[in-house]
Amino acid sequence: MNKEIDKALHLIYTLQEQLFNMPHREGCLKMLYQIRSLMEDFDSMLTPDQRKYGIYSNAYKEIFANGTGLSQYDKVCATICEEEYAELPF
């Protein structure tokens, strides 16, 4: 197991839990940016074989390739777009 990959996965899941339990929407956009960045870092750390067959393949599929609609990564990106447009003054 790779410690950097494990740390990135732990931070992704921790931030998602904190975002879910956040009572107010303050700081929501910043946290979404952090989650997206960590997901992209996790993707870049894995080799193609690790994505398909390695011990991280289930986590990769859960984050990037759900198979039933939008993946977690897609949902995070869509929410970022929604939050950015919601803050426009017009």
N, C-alpha and C. Protein backbone atom coordinates (compact mmCIF):
# COMPACT_ATOMS: atom_id res chain seq x y z
N MET A 1 0.83 -1.19 0.00
CA MET A 1 0.00 0.00 0.00
C MET A 1 0.88 1.25 0.00
N ASN A 2 0.44 2.23 -0.70
CA ASN A 2 1.15 3.48 -0.81
C ASN A 2 0.57 4.48 0.18
N LYS A 3 1.43 5.06 1.00
CA LYS A 3 0.96 5.96 2.05
C LYS A 3 0.34 7.23 1.49
N GLU A 4 0.89 7.75 0.39
CA GLU A 4 0.34 8.97 -0.20
C GLU A 4 -1.06 8.72 -0.75
N ILE A 5 -1.25 7.59 -1.40
CA ILE A 5 -2.57 7.25 -1.94
C ILE A 5 -3.56 7.03 -0.81
N ASP A 6 -3.13 6.33 0.23
CA ASP A 6 -3.99 6.10 1.39
C ASP A 6 -4.39 7.41 2.06
N LYS A 7 -3.44 8.33 2.16
CA LYS A 7 -3.73 9.63 2.78
C LYS A 7 -4.73 10.41 1.94
N ALA A 8 -4.55 10.41 0.61
CA ALA A 8 -5.48 11.11 -0.27
C ALA A 8 -6.89 10.54 -0.15
N LEU A 9 -7.00 9.21 -0.14
CA LEU A 9 -8.32 8.58 0.00
C LEU A 9 -8.96 8.93 1.33
N HIS A 10 -8.16 8.89 2.40
CA HIS A 10 -8.69 9.22 3.73
C HIS A 10 -9.20 10.66 3.75
N LEU A 11 -8.44 11.58 3.17
CA LEU A 11 -8.86 12.98 3.15
C LEU A 11 -10.12 13.18 2.31
N ILE A 12 -10.22 12.46 1.19
CA ILE A 12 -11.43 12.57 0.36
C ILE A 12 -12.65 12.17 1.17
N TYR A 13 -12.58 11.00 1.81
CA TYR A 13 -13.73 10.51 2.56
C TYR A 13 -14.03 11.39 3.78
N THR A 14 -12.99 11.89 4.44
CA THR A 14 -13.17 12.76 5.60
C THR A 14 -13.85 14.08 5.19
N LEU A 15 -13.37 14.69 4.11
CA LEU A 15 -13.96 15.95 3.66
C LEU A 15 -15.38 15.76 3.16
N GLN A 16 -15.66 14.64 2.51
CA GLN A 16 -17.03 14.38 2.07
C GLN A 16 -17.96 14.25 3.27
N GLU A 17 -17.49 13.60 4.32
CA GLU A 17 -18.31 13.45 5.52
C GLU A 17 -18.54 14.80 6.19
N GLN A 18 -17.48 15.62 6.27
CA GLN A 18 -17.62 16.95 6.87
C GLN A 18 -18.57 17.82 6.05
N LEU A 19 -18.49 17.71 4.73
CA LEU A 19 -19.38 18.48 3.87
C LEU A 19 -20.83 18.05 4.07
N PHE A 20 -21.05 16.77 4.20
CA PHE A 20 -22.40 16.26 4.41
C PHE A 20 -22.98 16.74 5.74
N ASN A 21 -22.13 16.83 6.77
CA ASN A 21 -22.58 17.22 8.10
C ASN A 21 -22.51 18.72 8.35
N MET A 22 -22.13 19.49 7.34
CA MET A 22 -22.00 20.94 7.50
C MET A 22 -23.39 21.57 7.61
N PRO A 23 -23.66 22.29 8.71
CA PRO A 23 -24.99 22.86 8.90
C PRO A 23 -25.28 24.04 7.98
N HIS A 24 -24.27 24.80 7.64
CA HIS A 24 -24.46 25.97 6.78
C HIS A 24 -23.66 25.78 5.50
N ARG A 25 -23.98 26.53 4.51
CA ARG A 25 -23.30 26.40 3.23
C ARG A 25 -22.04 27.26 3.15
N GLU A 26 -21.69 27.91 4.26
CA GLU A 26 -20.47 28.71 4.28
C GLU A 26 -19.27 27.78 4.17
N GLY A 27 -18.35 28.11 3.31
CA GLY A 27 -17.16 27.29 3.14
C GLY A 27 -17.39 26.06 2.28
N CYS A 28 -18.58 25.89 1.79
CA CYS A 28 -18.93 24.71 0.99
C CYS A 28 -18.12 24.67 -0.30
N LEU A 29 -18.02 25.79 -0.99
CA LEU A 29 -17.32 25.83 -2.26
C LEU A 29 -15.84 25.53 -2.09
N LYS A 30 -15.24 26.08 -1.05
CA LYS A 30 -13.83 25.83 -0.78
C LYS A 30 -13.59 24.34 -0.53
N MET A 31 -14.46 23.71 0.24
CA MET A 31 -14.33 22.29 0.54
C MET A 31 -14.53 21.45 -0.72
N LEU A 32 -15.46 21.86 -1.58
CA LEU A 32 -15.67 21.13 -2.84
C LEU A 32 -14.43 21.21 -3.74
N TYR A 33 -13.79 22.38 -3.77
CA TYR A 33 -12.55 22.51 -4.53
C TYR A 33 -11.47 21.59 -3.97
N GLN A 34 -11.38 21.48 -2.66
CA GLN A 34 -10.39 20.59 -2.04
C GLN A 34 -10.67 19.14 -2.38
N ILE A 35 -11.93 18.74 -2.33
CA ILE A 35 -12.30 17.36 -2.66
C ILE A 35 -11.97 17.07 -4.12
N ARG A 36 -12.32 17.99 -5.01
CA ARG A 36 -12.02 17.78 -6.44
C ARG A 36 -10.52 17.66 -6.67
N SER A 37 -9.76 18.51 -6.02
CA SER A 37 -8.30 18.47 -6.17
C SER A 37 -7.73 17.14 -5.66
N LEU A 38 -8.23 16.68 -4.52
CA LEU A 38 -7.76 15.40 -3.98
C LEU A 38 -8.14 14.23 -4.88
N MET A 39 -9.32 14.29 -5.46
CA MET A 39 -9.74 13.23 -6.39
C MET A 39 -8.84 13.20 -7.62
N GLU A 40 -8.49 14.37 -8.13
CA GLU A 40 -7.60 14.44 -9.28
C GLU A 40 -6.19 13.97 -8.91
N ASP A 41 -5.72 14.31 -7.72
CA ASP A 41 -4.42 13.82 -7.26
C ASP A 41 -4.43 12.29 -7.12
N PHE A 42 -5.50 11.75 -6.57
CA PHE A 42 -5.64 10.31 -6.42
C PHE A 42 -5.57 9.64 -7.80
N ASP A 43 -6.25 10.22 -8.77
CA ASP A 43 -6.24 9.68 -10.13
C ASP A 43 -4.84 9.70 -10.72
N SER A 44 -4.12 10.79 -10.51
CA SER A 44 -2.77 10.91 -11.09
C SER A 44 -1.75 10.01 -10.40
N MET A 45 -1.99 9.62 -9.17
CA MET A 45 -1.07 8.74 -8.44
C MET A 45 -1.15 7.29 -8.90
N LEU A 46 -2.28 6.90 -9.46
CA LEU A 46 -2.49 5.51 -9.83
C LEU A 46 -2.00 5.23 -11.24
N THR A 47 -1.44 4.03 -11.42
CA THR A 47 -1.08 3.57 -12.75
C THR A 47 -2.33 2.95 -13.38
N PRO A 48 -2.34 2.78 -14.70
CA PRO A 48 -3.52 2.15 -15.32
C PRO A 48 -3.84 0.76 -14.75
N ASP A 49 -2.81 -0.01 -14.41
CA ASP A 49 -3.06 -1.33 -13.82
C ASP A 49 -3.67 -1.23 -12.43
N GLN A 50 -3.23 -0.25 -11.65
CA GLN A 50 -3.80 -0.08 -10.31
C GLN A 50 -5.26 0.34 -10.40
N ARG A 51 -5.62 1.08 -11.44
CA ARG A 51 -7.01 1.51 -11.61
C ARG A 51 -7.93 0.33 -11.91
N LYS A 52 -7.39 -0.66 -12.64
CA LYS A 52 -8.22 -1.79 -13.06
C LYS A 52 -8.18 -2.96 -12.08
N TYR A 53 -6.96 -3.30 -11.60
CA TYR A 53 -6.82 -4.56 -10.88
C TYR A 53 -6.23 -4.44 -9.49
N GLY A 54 -5.67 -3.32 -9.15
CA GLY A 54 -4.96 -3.19 -7.89
C GLY A 54 -5.88 -3.07 -6.68
N ILE A 55 -5.27 -2.87 -5.54
CA ILE A 55 -6.05 -2.77 -4.31
C ILE A 55 -6.86 -1.48 -4.25
N TYR A 56 -6.53 -0.53 -5.12
CA TYR A 56 -7.26 0.74 -5.15
C TYR A 56 -8.34 0.77 -6.23
N SER A 57 -8.53 -0.33 -6.94
CA SER A 57 -9.46 -0.34 -8.07
C SER A 57 -10.91 -0.09 -7.63
N ASN A 58 -11.30 -0.63 -6.49
CA ASN A 58 -12.67 -0.40 -6.01
C ASN A 58 -12.90 1.06 -5.65
N ALA A 59 -11.92 1.67 -4.99
CA ALA A 59 -12.04 3.09 -4.64
C ALA A 59 -12.04 3.95 -5.90
N TYR A 60 -11.23 3.58 -6.88
CA TYR A 60 -11.20 4.33 -8.14
C TYR A 60 -12.55 4.25 -8.84
N LYS A 61 -13.10 3.06 -8.92
CA LYS A 61 -14.40 2.88 -9.57
C LYS A 61 -15.49 3.63 -8.82
N GLU A 62 -15.43 3.64 -7.50
CA GLU A 62 -16.42 4.34 -6.70
C GLU A 62 -16.38 5.84 -6.95
N ILE A 63 -15.18 6.38 -7.12
CA ILE A 63 -15.03 7.82 -7.29
C ILE A 63 -15.25 8.26 -8.74
N PHE A 64 -14.69 7.51 -9.70
CA PHE A 64 -14.67 7.99 -11.08
C PHE A 64 -15.58 7.23 -12.05
N ALA A 65 -15.94 6.01 -11.76
CA ALA A 65 -16.70 5.22 -12.74
C ALA A 65 -17.82 4.47 -12.05
N ASN A 66 -18.85 5.18 -11.69
CA ASN A 66 -19.95 4.59 -10.94
C ASN A 66 -20.70 3.55 -11.76
N GLY A 67 -20.91 3.82 -13.02
CA GLY A 67 -21.63 2.89 -13.87
C GLY A 67 -23.14 3.09 -13.86
N THR A 68 -23.65 3.79 -12.88
CA THR A 68 -25.09 4.06 -12.81
C THR A 68 -25.31 5.56 -12.64
N GLY A 69 -25.13 6.28 -13.72
CA GLY A 69 -25.33 7.72 -13.65
C GLY A 69 -24.02 8.45 -13.40
N LEU A 70 -24.10 9.53 -12.67
CA LEU A 70 -22.92 10.35 -12.40
C LEU A 70 -22.04 9.73 -11.34
N SER A 71 -20.73 9.83 -11.55
CA SER A 71 -19.78 9.38 -10.53
C SER A 71 -19.66 10.44 -9.44
N GLN A 72 -18.96 10.11 -8.37
CA GLN A 72 -18.76 11.10 -7.30
C GLN A 72 -18.02 12.31 -7.83
N TYR A 73 -17.03 12.08 -8.69
CA TYR A 73 -16.26 13.18 -9.26
C TYR A 73 -17.17 14.10 -10.08
N ASP A 74 -18.02 13.50 -10.90
CA ASP A 74 -18.95 14.28 -11.71
C ASP A 74 -19.90 15.09 -10.83
N LYS A 75 -20.37 14.49 -9.75
CA LYS A 75 -21.28 15.19 -8.84
C LYS A 75 -20.59 16.38 -8.17
N VAL A 76 -19.34 16.19 -7.79
CA VAL A 76 -18.58 17.28 -7.17
C VAL A 76 -18.41 18.43 -8.16
N CYS A 77 -18.03 18.10 -9.40
CA CYS A 77 -17.84 19.14 -10.42
C CYS A 77 -19.15 19.86 -10.73
N ALA A 78 -20.24 19.12 -10.80
CA ALA A 78 -21.55 19.73 -11.06
C ALA A 78 -21.96 20.64 -9.91
N THR A 79 -21.71 20.23 -8.69
CA THR A 79 -22.06 21.04 -7.53
C THR A 79 -21.22 22.31 -7.48
N ILE A 80 -19.95 22.21 -7.87
CA ILE A 80 -19.09 23.40 -7.93
C ILE A 80 -19.68 24.40 -8.92
N CYS A 81 -20.08 23.92 -10.08
CA CYS A 81 -20.69 24.82 -11.09
C CYS A 81 -21.96 25.47 -10.54
N GLU A 82 -22.79 24.69 -9.88
CA GLU A 82 -24.03 25.23 -9.31
C GLU A 82 -23.73 26.29 -8.26
N GLU A 83 -22.76 26.02 -7.39
CA GLU A 83 -22.43 26.97 -6.33
C GLU A 83 -21.80 28.25 -6.90
N GLU A 84 -20.97 28.10 -7.93
CA GLU A 84 -20.36 29.29 -8.52
C GLU A 84 -21.41 30.19 -9.14
N TYR A 85 -22.37 29.61 -9.85
CA TYR A 85 -23.41 30.41 -10.49
C TYR A 85 -24.41 30.95 -9.46
N ALA A 86 -24.57 30.28 -8.35
CA ALA A 86 -25.50 30.74 -7.32
C ALA A 86 -24.98 32.01 -6.65
N GLU A 87 -23.67 32.24 -6.67
CA GLU A 87 -23.09 33.39 -6.00
C GLU A 87 -23.06 34.63 -6.90
N LEU A 88 -23.47 34.50 -8.15
CA LEU A 88 -23.49 35.67 -9.03
C LEU A 88 -24.56 36.65 -8.57
N PRO A 89 -24.30 37.94 -8.66
CA PRO A 89 -25.25 38.92 -8.12
C PRO A 89 -26.47 39.19 -8.98
N PHE A 90 -26.58 38.62 -10.15
CA PHE A 90 -27.74 38.93 -11.00
C PHE A 90 -28.70 37.79 -11.08
